[in-house]
């Protein structure tokens, strides 16, 4: 999994909730909307596997140059939603928090020290 491309994974539900606020504000302009924080594709894959299986995955990091691609991908494409957040008066959740919701991970439920999700 590519380790040198950084972005902002974003949950569609979070995006739509913020977009609704931007649209109804009637404040025209360019707004970036993304979950807070950034990670590499490698880190995102690791998090997904942890949320799904509860274990550190056996995913190997590689560099972009190791995969032949028709289009060159940017190394850093993380977005900041500060302008939209200020306009709407709410903060986007982190990509980690939203990813846990998407993949059904519950780190707040345990029985006898065992995690259940």
PDB file of N, CA and C in Angstrom:
ATOM      1  N   UNK A   1       0.855  -1.158   0.000  1.00  0.00           N
ATOM      2  CA  UNK A   1       0.000   0.000   0.000  1.00  0.00           C
ATOM      3  C   UNK A   1       0.906   1.228   0.000  1.00  0.00           C
ATOM      4  N   UNK A   2       0.517   2.217  -0.761  1.00  0.00           N
ATOM      5  CA  UNK A   2       1.333   3.424  -0.938  1.00  0.00           C
ATOM      6  C   UNK A   2       1.421   4.223   0.360  1.00  0.00           C
ATOM      7  N   UNK A   3       2.649   4.517   0.772  1.00  0.00           N
ATOM      8  CA  UNK A   3       2.875   5.236   2.027  1.00  0.00           C
ATOM      9  C   UNK A   3       3.225   6.714   1.827  1.00  0.00           C
ATOM     10  N   UNK A   4       3.516   7.102   0.609  1.00  0.00           N
ATOM     11  CA  UNK A   4       3.973   8.483   0.402  1.00  0.00           C
ATOM     12  C   UNK A   4       2.920   9.392  -0.242  1.00  0.00           C
ATOM     13  N   UNK A   5       1.656   8.983  -0.239  1.00  0.00           N
ATOM     14  CA  UNK A   5       0.570   9.843  -0.714  1.00  0.00           C
ATOM     15  C   UNK A   5      -0.338  10.147   0.477  1.00  0.00           C
ATOM     16  N   UNK A   6      -0.412  11.410   0.833  1.00  0.00           N
ATOM     17  CA  UNK A   6      -1.154  11.850   2.014  1.00  0.00           C
ATOM     18  C   UNK A   6      -2.439  12.541   1.584  1.00  0.00           C
ATOM     19  N   UNK A   7      -3.539  12.181   2.240  1.00  0.00           N
ATOM     20  CA  UNK A   7      -4.830  12.784   1.930  1.00  0.00           C
ATOM     21  C   UNK A   7      -5.706  12.877   3.165  1.00  0.00           C
ATOM     22  N   UNK A   8      -6.955  13.256   2.954  1.00  0.00           N
ATOM     23  CA  UNK A   8      -7.925  13.404   4.040  1.00  0.00           C
ATOM     24  C   UNK A   8      -9.123  12.500   3.784  1.00  0.00           C
ATOM     25  N   UNK A   9      -9.103  11.273   4.302  1.00  0.00           N
ATOM     26  CA  UNK A   9     -10.268  10.407   4.108  1.00  0.00           C
ATOM     27  C   UNK A   9     -11.516  11.089   4.672  1.00  0.00           C
ATOM     28  N   UNK A  10     -12.615  11.006   3.949  1.00  0.00           N
ATOM     29  CA  UNK A  10     -13.824  11.726   4.355  1.00  0.00           C
ATOM     30  C   UNK A  10     -15.061  10.842   4.231  1.00  0.00           C
ATOM     31  N   UNK A  11     -15.842  10.804   5.294  1.00  0.00           N
ATOM     32  CA  UNK A  11     -17.092  10.057   5.356  1.00  0.00           C
ATOM     33  C   UNK A  11     -18.161  10.886   4.644  1.00  0.00           C
ATOM     34  N   UNK A  12     -18.866  10.272   3.717  1.00  0.00           N
ATOM     35  CA  UNK A  12     -19.881  10.970   2.927  1.00  0.00           C
ATOM     36  C   UNK A  12     -20.928  11.629   3.816  1.00  0.00           C
ATOM     37  N   UNK A  13     -21.332  10.947   4.875  1.00  0.00           N
ATOM     38  CA  UNK A  13     -22.343  11.517   5.787  1.00  0.00           C
ATOM     39  C   UNK A  13     -21.847  12.834   6.390  1.00  0.00           C
ATOM     40  N   UNK A  14     -20.589  12.884   6.814  1.00  0.00           N
ATOM     41  CA  UNK A  14     -20.020  14.114   7.373  1.00  0.00           C
ATOM     42  C   UNK A  14     -19.962  15.202   6.304  1.00  0.00           C
ATOM     43  N   UNK A  15     -19.554  14.803   5.107  1.00  0.00           N
ATOM     44  CA  UNK A  15     -19.452  15.753   3.993  1.00  0.00           C
ATOM     45  C   UNK A  15     -20.813  16.383   3.706  1.00  0.00           C
ATOM     46  N   UNK A  16     -21.850  15.553   3.587  1.00  0.00           N
ATOM     47  CA  UNK A  16     -23.192  16.046   3.268  1.00  0.00           C
ATOM     48  C   UNK A  16     -23.717  16.965   4.365  1.00  0.00           C
ATOM     49  N   UNK A  17     -23.494  16.600   5.630  1.00  0.00           N
ATOM     50  CA  UNK A  17     -23.956  17.450   6.733  1.00  0.00           C
ATOM     51  C   UNK A  17     -23.320  18.836   6.681  1.00  0.00           C
ATOM     52  N   UNK A  18     -22.026  18.894   6.399  1.00  0.00           N
ATOM     53  CA  UNK A  18     -21.354  20.192   6.306  1.00  0.00           C
ATOM     54  C   UNK A  18     -21.783  20.932   5.036  1.00  0.00           C
ATOM     55  N   UNK A  19     -21.897  20.213   3.924  1.00  0.00           N
ATOM     56  CA  UNK A  19     -22.307  20.833   2.666  1.00  0.00           C
ATOM     57  C   UNK A  19     -23.687  21.470   2.795  1.00  0.00           C
ATOM     58  N   UNK A  20     -24.596  20.807   3.486  1.00  0.00           N
ATOM     59  CA  UNK A  20     -25.933  21.360   3.708  1.00  0.00           C
ATOM     60  C   UNK A  20     -25.827  22.719   4.403  1.00  0.00           C
ATOM     61  N   UNK A  21     -24.949  22.820   5.388  1.00  0.00           N
ATOM     62  CA  UNK A  21     -24.761  24.092   6.084  1.00  0.00           C
ATOM     63  C   UNK A  21     -24.184  25.170   5.189  1.00  0.00           C
ATOM     64  N   UNK A  22     -23.238  24.807   4.334  1.00  0.00           N
ATOM     65  CA  UNK A  22     -22.639  25.774   3.410  1.00  0.00           C
ATOM     66  C   UNK A  22     -23.696  26.268   2.417  1.00  0.00           C
ATOM     67  N   UNK A  23     -24.465  25.346   1.860  1.00  0.00           N
ATOM     68  CA  UNK A  23     -25.469  25.717   0.854  1.00  0.00           C
ATOM     69  C   UNK A  23     -26.543  26.627   1.444  1.00  0.00           C
ATOM     70  N   UNK A  24     -27.020  26.292   2.623  1.00  0.00           N
ATOM     71  CA  UNK A  24     -28.102  27.089   3.217  1.00  0.00           C
ATOM     72  C   UNK A  24     -27.625  28.432   3.770  1.00  0.00           C
ATOM     73  N   UNK A  25     -26.324  28.647   3.842  1.00  0.00           N
ATOM     74  CA  UNK A  25     -25.799  29.917   4.346  1.00  0.00           C
ATOM     75  C   UNK A  25     -25.897  31.044   3.326  1.00  0.00           C
ATOM     76  N   UNK A  26     -26.005  30.679   2.057  1.00  0.00           N
ATOM     77  CA  UNK A  26     -26.010  31.655   0.961  1.00  0.00           C
ATOM     78  C   UNK A  26     -24.726  32.483   0.899  1.00  0.00           C
ATOM     79  N   UNK A  27     -23.651  31.963   1.455  1.00  0.00           N
ATOM     80  CA  UNK A  27     -22.341  32.610   1.382  1.00  0.00           C
ATOM     81  C   UNK A  27     -21.559  31.916   0.275  1.00  0.00           C
ATOM     82  N   UNK A  28     -21.485  32.553  -0.870  1.00  0.00           N
ATOM     83  CA  UNK A  28     -20.871  31.931  -2.033  1.00  0.00           C
ATOM     84  C   UNK A  28     -19.348  31.972  -1.951  1.00  0.00           C
ATOM     85  N   UNK A  29     -18.713  30.980  -2.520  1.00  0.00           N
ATOM     86  CA  UNK A  29     -17.263  30.921  -2.519  1.00  0.00           C
ATOM     87  C   UNK A  29     -16.787  29.498  -2.729  1.00  0.00           C
ATOM     88  N   UNK A  30     -15.505  29.305  -2.530  1.00  0.00           N
ATOM     89  CA  UNK A  30     -14.902  27.979  -2.651  1.00  0.00           C
ATOM     90  C   UNK A  30     -14.666  27.445  -1.244  1.00  0.00           C
ATOM     91  N   UNK A  31     -15.174  26.251  -0.987  1.00  0.00           N
ATOM     92  CA  UNK A  31     -15.054  25.620   0.320  1.00  0.00           C
ATOM     93  C   UNK A  31     -14.494  24.211   0.158  1.00  0.00           C
ATOM     94  N   UNK A  32     -13.534  23.880   0.981  1.00  0.00           N
ATOM     95  CA  UNK A  32     -13.054  22.499   1.069  1.00  0.00           C
ATOM     96  C   UNK A  32     -13.806  21.860   2.229  1.00  0.00           C
ATOM     97  N   UNK A  33     -14.244  20.630   2.020  1.00  0.00           N
ATOM     98  CA  UNK A  33     -14.928  19.900   3.084  1.00  0.00           C
ATOM     99  C   UNK A  33     -14.309  18.517   3.170  1.00  0.00           C
ATOM    100  N   UNK A  34     -13.693  18.232   4.303  1.00  0.00           N
ATOM    101  CA  UNK A  34     -13.062  16.929   4.526  1.00  0.00           C
ATOM    102  C   UNK A  34     -12.998  16.682   6.020  1.00  0.00           C
ATOM    103  N   UNK A  35     -12.961  15.415   6.399  1.00  0.00           N
ATOM    104  CA  UNK A  35     -12.763  15.108   7.809  1.00  0.00           C
ATOM    105  C   UNK A  35     -11.403  15.651   8.250  1.00  0.00           C
ATOM    106  N   UNK A  36     -11.294  15.995   9.527  1.00  0.00           N
ATOM    107  CA  UNK A  36     -10.053  16.561  10.060  1.00  0.00           C
ATOM    108  C   UNK A  36      -8.945  15.522  10.073  1.00  0.00           C
ATOM    109  N   UNK A  37      -7.734  16.010   9.909  1.00  0.00           N
ATOM    110  CA  UNK A  37      -6.563  15.151   9.951  1.00  0.00           C
ATOM    111  C   UNK A  37      -6.190  14.644   8.571  1.00  0.00           C
ATOM    112  N   UNK A  38      -5.063  13.982   8.523  1.00  0.00           N
ATOM    113  CA  UNK A  38      -4.593  13.424   7.256  1.00  0.00           C
ATOM    114  C   UNK A  38      -3.818  12.143   7.551  1.00  0.00           C
ATOM    115  N   UNK A  39      -3.663  11.333   6.524  1.00  0.00           N
ATOM    116  CA  UNK A  39      -2.911  10.090   6.659  1.00  0.00           C
ATOM    117  C   UNK A  39      -2.506   9.616   5.272  1.00  0.00           C
ATOM    118  N   UNK A  40      -1.591   8.676   5.258  1.00  0.00           N
ATOM    119  CA  UNK A  40      -1.206   8.064   3.988  1.00  0.00           C
ATOM    120  C   UNK A  40      -2.222   6.980   3.644  1.00  0.00           C
ATOM    121  N   UNK A  41      -2.210   6.537   2.414  1.00  0.00           N
ATOM    122  CA  UNK A  41      -3.093   5.435   2.019  1.00  0.00           C
ATOM    123  C   UNK A  41      -2.752   4.183   2.834  1.00  0.00           C
ATOM    124  N   UNK A  42      -1.484   4.012   3.117  1.00  0.00           N
ATOM    125  CA  UNK A  42      -1.017   2.894   3.942  1.00  0.00           C
ATOM    126  C   UNK A  42      -1.621   2.970   5.352  1.00  0.00           C
ATOM    127  N   UNK A  43      -1.546   4.143   5.977  1.00  0.00           N
ATOM    128  CA  UNK A  43      -2.101   4.317   7.322  1.00  0.00           C
ATOM    129  C   UNK A  43      -3.616   4.110   7.328  1.00  0.00           C
ATOM    130  N   UNK A  44      -4.288   4.568   6.264  1.00  0.00           N
ATOM    131  CA  UNK A  44      -5.734   4.391   6.171  1.00  0.00           C
ATOM    132  C   UNK A  44      -6.085   2.910   6.054  1.00  0.00           C
ATOM    133  N   UNK A  45      -5.351   2.177   5.233  1.00  0.00           N
ATOM    134  CA  UNK A  45      -5.588   0.737   5.089  1.00  0.00           C
ATOM    135  C   UNK A  45      -5.361   0.024   6.421  1.00  0.00           C
ATOM    136  N   UNK A  46      -4.324   0.416   7.149  1.00  0.00           N
ATOM    137  CA  UNK A  46      -4.056  -0.188   8.465  1.00  0.00           C
ATOM    138  C   UNK A  46      -5.222   0.067   9.417  1.00  0.00           C
ATOM    139  N   UNK A  47      -5.717   1.301   9.435  1.00  0.00           N
ATOM    140  CA  UNK A  47      -6.828   1.648  10.328  1.00  0.00           C
ATOM    141  C   UNK A  47      -8.078   0.848   9.975  1.00  0.00           C
ATOM    142  N   UNK A  48      -8.384   0.737   8.693  1.00  0.00           N
ATOM    143  CA  UNK A  48      -9.566  -0.014   8.273  1.00  0.00           C
ATOM    144  C   UNK A  48      -9.470  -1.466   8.736  1.00  0.00           C
ATOM    145  N   UNK A  49      -8.322  -2.074   8.525  1.00  0.00           N
ATOM    146  CA  UNK A  49      -8.148  -3.467   8.943  1.00  0.00           C
ATOM    147  C   UNK A  49      -8.245  -3.609  10.463  1.00  0.00           C
ATOM    148  N   UNK A  50      -7.734  -2.641  11.184  1.00  0.00           N
ATOM    149  CA  UNK A  50      -7.829  -2.685  12.642  1.00  0.00           C
ATOM    150  C   UNK A  50      -9.292  -2.584  13.069  1.00  0.00           C
ATOM    151  N   UNK A  51     -10.055  -1.703  12.442  1.00  0.00           N
ATOM    152  CA  UNK A  51     -11.461  -1.540  12.800  1.00  0.00           C
ATOM    153  C   UNK A  51     -12.274  -2.781  12.420  1.00  0.00           C
ATOM    154  N   UNK A  52     -11.935  -3.418  11.312  1.00  0.00           N
ATOM    155  CA  UNK A  52     -12.685  -4.590  10.853  1.00  0.00           C
ATOM    156  C   UNK A  52     -12.305  -5.875  11.573  1.00  0.00           C
ATOM    157  N   UNK A  53     -11.006  -6.061  11.811  1.00  0.00           N
ATOM    158  CA  UNK A  53     -10.542  -7.341  12.348  1.00  0.00           C
ATOM    159  C   UNK A  53      -9.958  -7.245  13.753  1.00  0.00           C
ATOM    160  N   UNK A  54      -9.713  -6.025  14.235  1.00  0.00           N
ATOM    161  CA  UNK A  54      -9.159  -5.867  15.566  1.00  0.00           C
ATOM    162  C   UNK A  54      -7.704  -6.261  15.687  1.00  0.00           C
ATOM    163  N   UNK A  55      -7.009  -6.282  14.584  1.00  0.00           N
ATOM    164  CA  UNK A  55      -5.590  -6.658  14.620  1.00  0.00           C
ATOM    165  C   UNK A  55      -4.799  -5.815  13.633  1.00  0.00           C
ATOM    166  N   UNK A  56      -3.510  -5.694  13.899  1.00  0.00           N
ATOM    167  CA  UNK A  56      -2.646  -4.965  12.990  1.00  0.00           C
ATOM    168  C   UNK A  56      -2.482  -5.784  11.715  1.00  0.00           C
ATOM    169  N   UNK A  57      -2.804  -5.199  10.586  1.00  0.00           N
ATOM    170  CA  UNK A  57      -2.748  -5.964   9.332  1.00  0.00           C
ATOM    171  C   UNK A  57      -1.327  -6.192   8.837  1.00  0.00           C
ATOM    172  N   UNK A  58      -1.209  -7.164   7.987  1.00  0.00           N
ATOM    173  CA  UNK A  58       0.083  -7.442   7.365  1.00  0.00           C
ATOM    174  C   UNK A  58       0.097  -6.772   5.992  1.00  0.00           C
ATOM    175  N   UNK A  59       0.139  -5.459   6.024  1.00  0.00           N
ATOM    176  CA  UNK A  59       0.168  -4.650   4.808  1.00  0.00           C
ATOM    177  C   UNK A  59       1.558  -4.041   4.710  1.00  0.00           C
ATOM    178  N   UNK A  60       2.180  -4.161   3.571  1.00  0.00           N
ATOM    179  CA  UNK A  60       3.525  -3.622   3.388  1.00  0.00           C
ATOM    180  C   UNK A  60       3.477  -2.251   2.725  1.00  0.00           C
ATOM    181  N   UNK A  61       4.209  -1.284   3.284  1.00  0.00           N
ATOM    182  CA  UNK A  61       4.249   0.042   2.672  1.00  0.00           C
ATOM    183  C   UNK A  61       5.179   0.065   1.457  1.00  0.00           C
ATOM    184  N   UNK A  62       4.775   0.801   0.438  1.00  0.00           N
ATOM    185  CA  UNK A  62       5.621   0.989  -0.742  1.00  0.00           C
ATOM    186  C   UNK A  62       5.588   2.461  -1.143  1.00  0.00           C
ATOM    187  N   UNK A  63       6.459   2.840  -2.049  1.00  0.00           N
ATOM    188  CA  UNK A  63       6.506   4.194  -2.584  1.00  0.00           C
ATOM    189  C   UNK A  63       5.689   4.251  -3.878  1.00  0.00           C
ATOM    190  N   UNK A  64       5.169   5.402  -4.200  1.00  0.00           N
ATOM    191  CA  UNK A  64       4.359   5.582  -5.409  1.00  0.00           C
ATOM    192  C   UNK A  64       5.075   5.115  -6.667  1.00  0.00           C
ATOM    193  N   UNK A  65       6.381   5.356  -6.720  1.00  0.00           N
ATOM    194  CA  UNK A  65       7.154   5.023  -7.910  1.00  0.00           C
ATOM    195  C   UNK A  65       7.198   3.520  -8.180  1.00  0.00           C
ATOM    196  N   UNK A  66       6.870   2.715  -7.178  1.00  0.00           N
ATOM    197  CA  UNK A  66       6.911   1.266  -7.335  1.00  0.00           C
ATOM    198  C   UNK A  66       5.695   0.706  -8.071  1.00  0.00           C
ATOM    199  N   UNK A  67       4.696   1.542  -8.316  1.00  0.00           N
ATOM    200  CA  UNK A  67       3.488   1.110  -9.017  1.00  0.00           C
ATOM    201  C   UNK A  67       3.355   1.929 -10.300  1.00  0.00           C
ATOM    202  N   UNK A  68       3.317   1.266 -11.451  1.00  0.00           N
ATOM    203  CA  UNK A  68       3.113   2.028 -12.689  1.00  0.00           C
ATOM    204  C   UNK A  68       1.664   2.534 -12.757  1.00  0.00           C
ATOM    205  N   UNK A  69       1.509   3.857 -12.908  1.00  0.00           N
ATOM    206  CA  UNK A  69       0.175   4.461 -12.986  1.00  0.00           C
ATOM    207  C   UNK A  69       0.094   5.354 -14.214  1.00  0.00           C
ATOM    208  N   UNK A  70      -1.075   5.398 -14.814  1.00  0.00           N
ATOM    209  CA  UNK A  70      -1.287   6.246 -15.989  1.00  0.00           C
ATOM    210  C   UNK A  70      -1.224   7.726 -15.607  1.00  0.00           C
ATOM    211  N   UNK A  71      -1.722   8.050 -14.410  1.00  0.00           N
ATOM    212  CA  UNK A  71      -1.730   9.442 -13.952  1.00  0.00           C
ATOM    213  C   UNK A  71      -0.835   9.584 -12.728  1.00  0.00           C
ATOM    214  N   UNK A  72      -0.130  10.679 -12.652  1.00  0.00           N
ATOM    215  CA  UNK A  72       0.710  10.957 -11.494  1.00  0.00           C
ATOM    216  C   UNK A  72      -0.177  11.501 -10.380  1.00  0.00           C
ATOM    217  N   UNK A  73      -0.081  10.920  -9.216  1.00  0.00           N
ATOM    218  CA  UNK A  73      -0.861  11.355  -8.061  1.00  0.00           C
ATOM    219  C   UNK A  73      -0.036  12.337  -7.230  1.00  0.00           C
ATOM    220  N   UNK A  74      -0.687  13.346  -6.645  1.00  0.00           N
ATOM    221  CA  UNK A  74       0.062  14.270  -5.778  1.00  0.00           C
ATOM    222  C   UNK A  74       0.499  13.571  -4.498  1.00  0.00           C
ATOM    223  N   UNK A  75       1.626  13.976  -3.980  1.00  0.00           N
ATOM    224  CA  UNK A  75       2.133  13.403  -2.729  1.00  0.00           C
ATOM    225  C   UNK A  75       1.320  13.891  -1.530  1.00  0.00           C
ATOM    226  N   UNK A  76       0.827  15.126  -1.613  1.00  0.00           N
ATOM    227  CA  UNK A  76       0.076  15.704  -0.499  1.00  0.00           C
ATOM    228  C   UNK A  76      -1.203  16.347  -1.028  1.00  0.00           C
ATOM    229  N   UNK A  77      -2.341  15.766  -0.664  1.00  0.00           N
ATOM    230  CA  UNK A  77      -3.618  16.327  -1.120  1.00  0.00           C
ATOM    231  C   UNK A  77      -4.617  16.458   0.030  1.00  0.00           C
ATOM    232  N   UNK A  78      -4.102  16.611   1.243  1.00  0.00           N
ATOM    233  CA  UNK A  78      -4.970  16.803   2.402  1.00  0.00           C
ATOM    234  C   UNK A  78      -5.656  18.163   2.300  1.00  0.00           C
ATOM    235  N   UNK A  79      -6.884  18.216   2.787  1.00  0.00           N
ATOM    236  CA  UNK A  79      -7.670  19.445   2.723  1.00  0.00           C
ATOM    237  C   UNK A  79      -7.974  19.963   4.123  1.00  0.00           C
ATOM    238  N   UNK A  80      -8.170  21.267   4.230  1.00  0.00           N
ATOM    239  CA  UNK A  80      -8.594  21.894   5.474  1.00  0.00           C
ATOM    240  C   UNK A  80     -10.009  22.428   5.281  1.00  0.00           C
ATOM    241  N   UNK A  81     -10.874  22.129   6.223  1.00  0.00           N
ATOM    242  CA  UNK A  81     -12.270  22.585   6.151  1.00  0.00           C
ATOM    243  C   UNK A  81     -12.517  23.810   7.025  1.00  0.00           C
ATOM    244  N   UNK A  82     -11.483  24.514   7.404  1.00  0.00           N
ATOM    245  CA  UNK A  82     -11.602  25.633   8.337  1.00  0.00           C
ATOM    246  C   UNK A  82     -12.642  26.649   7.899  1.00  0.00           C
ATOM    247  N   UNK A  83     -12.623  27.053   6.644  1.00  0.00           N
ATOM    248  CA  UNK A  83     -13.564  28.065   6.151  1.00  0.00           C
ATOM    249  C   UNK A  83     -15.012  27.581   6.292  1.00  0.00           C
ATOM    250  N   UNK A  84     -15.286  26.357   5.905  1.00  0.00           N
ATOM    251  CA  UNK A  84     -16.639  25.794   6.016  1.00  0.00           C
ATOM    252  C   UNK A  84     -17.037  25.629   7.481  1.00  0.00           C
ATOM    253  N   UNK A  85     -16.099  25.188   8.318  1.00  0.00           N
ATOM    254  CA  UNK A  85     -16.389  25.001   9.738  1.00  0.00           C
ATOM    255  C   UNK A  85     -16.745  26.323  10.402  1.00  0.00           C
ATOM    256  N   UNK A  86     -16.006  27.373  10.095  1.00  0.00           N
ATOM    257  CA  UNK A  86     -16.302  28.691  10.665  1.00  0.00           C
ATOM    258  C   UNK A  86     -17.659  29.194  10.195  1.00  0.00           C
ATOM    259  N   UNK A  87     -17.965  28.988   8.937  1.00  0.00           N
ATOM    260  CA  UNK A  87     -19.238  29.427   8.375  1.00  0.00           C
ATOM    261  C   UNK A  87     -20.411  28.699   9.033  1.00  0.00           C
ATOM    262  N   UNK A  88     -20.270  27.403   9.219  1.00  0.00           N
ATOM    263  CA  UNK A  88     -21.368  26.568   9.730  1.00  0.00           C
ATOM    264  C   UNK A  88     -21.415  26.482  11.248  1.00  0.00           C
ATOM    265  N   UNK A  89     -20.332  26.897  11.902  1.00  0.00           N
ATOM    266  CA  UNK A  89     -20.300  26.851  13.361  1.00  0.00           C
ATOM    267  C   UNK A  89     -20.196  25.449  13.932  1.00  0.00           C
ATOM    268  N   UNK A  90     -19.627  24.543  13.167  1.00  0.00           N
ATOM    269  CA  UNK A  90     -19.400  23.185  13.683  1.00  0.00           C
ATOM    270  C   UNK A  90     -18.092  22.644  13.127  1.00  0.00           C
ATOM    271  N   UNK A  91     -17.563  21.674  13.816  1.00  0.00           N
ATOM    272  CA  UNK A  91     -16.268  21.087  13.479  1.00  0.00           C
ATOM    273  C   UNK A  91     -16.489  19.725  12.824  1.00  0.00           C
ATOM    274  N   UNK A  92     -15.765  19.459  11.761  1.00  0.00           N
ATOM    275  CA  UNK A  92     -15.795  18.132  11.145  1.00  0.00           C
ATOM    276  C   UNK A  92     -15.118  17.142  12.089  1.00  0.00           C
ATOM    277  N   UNK A  93     -15.643  15.922  12.201  1.00  0.00           N
ATOM    278  CA  UNK A  93     -14.969  14.906  13.001  1.00  0.00           C
ATOM    279  C   UNK A  93     -13.639  14.510  12.360  1.00  0.00           C
ATOM    280  N   UNK A  94     -12.783  13.863  13.122  1.00  0.00           N
ATOM    281  CA  UNK A  94     -11.534  13.363  12.553  1.00  0.00           C
ATOM    282  C   UNK A  94     -11.838  12.188  11.630  1.00  0.00           C
ATOM    283  N   UNK A  95     -10.923  11.912  10.725  1.00  0.00           N
ATOM    284  CA  UNK A  95     -11.126  10.773   9.827  1.00  0.00           C
ATOM    285  C   UNK A  95     -11.144   9.466  10.620  1.00  0.00           C
ATOM    286  N   UNK A  96     -10.394   9.421  11.737  1.00  0.00           N
ATOM    287  CA  UNK A  96     -10.371   8.207  12.552  1.00  0.00           C
ATOM    288  C   UNK A  96     -11.735   7.948  13.194  1.00  0.00           C
ATOM    289  N   UNK A  97     -12.317   8.983  13.773  1.00  0.00           N
ATOM    290  CA  UNK A  97     -13.623   8.838  14.429  1.00  0.00           C
ATOM    291  C   UNK A  97     -14.681   8.402  13.420  1.00  0.00           C
ATOM    292  N   UNK A  98     -14.700   9.032  12.269  1.00  0.00           N
ATOM    293  CA  UNK A  98     -15.697   8.685  11.257  1.00  0.00           C
ATOM    294  C   UNK A  98     -15.452   7.310  10.661  1.00  0.00           C
ATOM    295  N   UNK A  99     -14.191   6.931  10.506  1.00  0.00           N
ATOM    296  CA  UNK A  99     -13.883   5.594   9.988  1.00  0.00           C
ATOM    297  C   UNK A  99     -14.375   4.528  10.945  1.00  0.00           C
ATOM    298  N   UNK A 100     -14.233   4.768  12.243  1.00  0.00           N
ATOM    299  CA  UNK A 100     -14.746   3.812  13.230  1.00  0.00           C
ATOM    300  C   UNK A 100     -16.254   3.655  13.070  1.00  0.00           C
ATOM    301  N   UNK A 101     -16.943   4.751  12.829  1.00  0.00           N
ATOM    302  CA  UNK A 101     -18.397   4.689  12.629  1.00  0.00           C
ATOM    303  C   UNK A 101     -18.737   3.905  11.360  1.00  0.00           C
ATOM    304  N   UNK A 102     -18.032   4.187  10.290  1.00  0.00           N
ATOM    305  CA  UNK A 102     -18.291   3.511   9.014  1.00  0.00           C
ATOM    306  C   UNK A 102     -18.109   2.004   9.149  1.00  0.00           C
ATOM    307  N   UNK A 103     -17.031   1.584   9.802  1.00  0.00           N
ATOM    308  CA  UNK A 103     -16.700   0.168   9.882  1.00  0.00           C
ATOM    309  C   UNK A 103     -17.248  -0.521  11.131  1.00  0.00           C
ATOM    310  N   UNK A 104     -18.086   0.174  11.894  1.00  0.00           N
ATOM    311  CA  UNK A 104     -18.759  -0.448  13.021  1.00  0.00           C
ATOM    312  C   UNK A 104     -17.879  -0.748  14.218  1.00  0.00           C
ATOM    313  N   UNK A 105     -16.755  -0.066  14.333  1.00  0.00           N
ATOM    314  CA  UNK A 105     -15.826  -0.311  15.437  1.00  0.00           C
ATOM    315  C   UNK A 105     -16.330   0.380  16.691  1.00  0.00           C
ATOM    316  N   UNK A 106     -16.366  -0.365  17.787  1.00  0.00           N
ATOM    317  CA  UNK A 106     -16.797   0.200  19.061  1.00  0.00           C
ATOM    318  C   UNK A 106     -15.662   0.055  20.057  1.00  0.00           C
ATOM    319  N   UNK A 107     -14.987   1.139  20.364  1.00  0.00           N
ATOM    320  CA  UNK A 107     -13.908   1.036  21.353  1.00  0.00           C
ATOM    321  C   UNK A 107     -14.399   1.431  22.740  1.00  0.00           C
ATOM    322  N   UNK A 108     -15.710   1.629  22.860  1.00  0.00           N
ATOM    323  CA  UNK A 108     -16.254   2.016  24.157  1.00  0.00           C
ATOM    324  C   UNK A 108     -17.061   0.889  24.808  1.00  0.00           C
ATOM    325  N   UNK A 109     -17.097  -0.283  24.167  1.00  0.00           N
ATOM    326  CA  UNK A 109     -17.873  -1.393  24.700  1.00  0.00           C
ATOM    327  C   UNK A 109     -16.929  -2.536  25.044  1.00  0.00           C
ATOM    328  N   UNK A 110     -16.912  -2.951  26.278  1.00  0.00           N
ATOM    329  CA  UNK A 110     -16.083  -4.089  26.653  1.00  0.00           C
ATOM    330  C   UNK A 110     -16.771  -4.920  27.733  1.00  0.00           C
ATOM    331  N   UNK A 111     -16.490  -6.199  27.734  1.00  0.00           N
ATOM    332  CA  UNK A 111     -16.994  -7.110  28.752  1.00  0.00           C
ATOM    333  C   UNK A 111     -15.776  -7.861  29.277  1.00  0.00           C
ATOM    334  N   UNK A 112     -15.512  -7.718  30.564  1.00  0.00           N
ATOM    335  CA  UNK A 112     -14.345  -8.363  31.179  1.00  0.00           C
ATOM    336  C   UNK A 112     -13.053  -8.033  30.438  1.00  0.00           C
ATOM    337  N   UNK A 113     -12.907  -6.786  30.027  1.00  0.00           N
ATOM    338  CA  UNK A 113     -11.693  -6.357  29.365  1.00  0.00           C
ATOM    339  C   UNK A 113     -11.603  -6.725  27.897  1.00  0.00           C
ATOM    340  N   UNK A 114     -12.574  -7.475  27.388  1.00  0.00           N
ATOM    341  CA  UNK A 114     -12.568  -7.863  25.966  1.00  0.00           C
ATOM    342  C   UNK A 114     -13.351  -6.834  25.173  1.00  0.00           C
ATOM    343  N   UNK A 115     -12.816  -6.461  24.029  1.00  0.00           N
ATOM    344  CA  UNK A 115     -13.528  -5.532  23.146  1.00  0.00           C
ATOM    345  C   UNK A 115     -14.576  -6.263  22.342  1.00  0.00           C
ATOM    346  N   UNK A 116     -15.741  -5.675  22.239  1.00  0.00           N
ATOM    347  CA  UNK A 116     -16.790  -6.210  21.384  1.00  0.00           C
ATOM    348  C   UNK A 116     -17.289  -5.109  20.485  1.00  0.00           C
ATOM    349  N   UNK A 117     -17.358  -5.387  19.189  1.00  0.00           N
ATOM    350  CA  UNK A 117     -17.806  -4.408  18.198  1.00  0.00           C
ATOM    351  C   UNK A 117     -18.413  -5.102  17.041  1.00  0.00           C
TER     352      UNK A 117
END
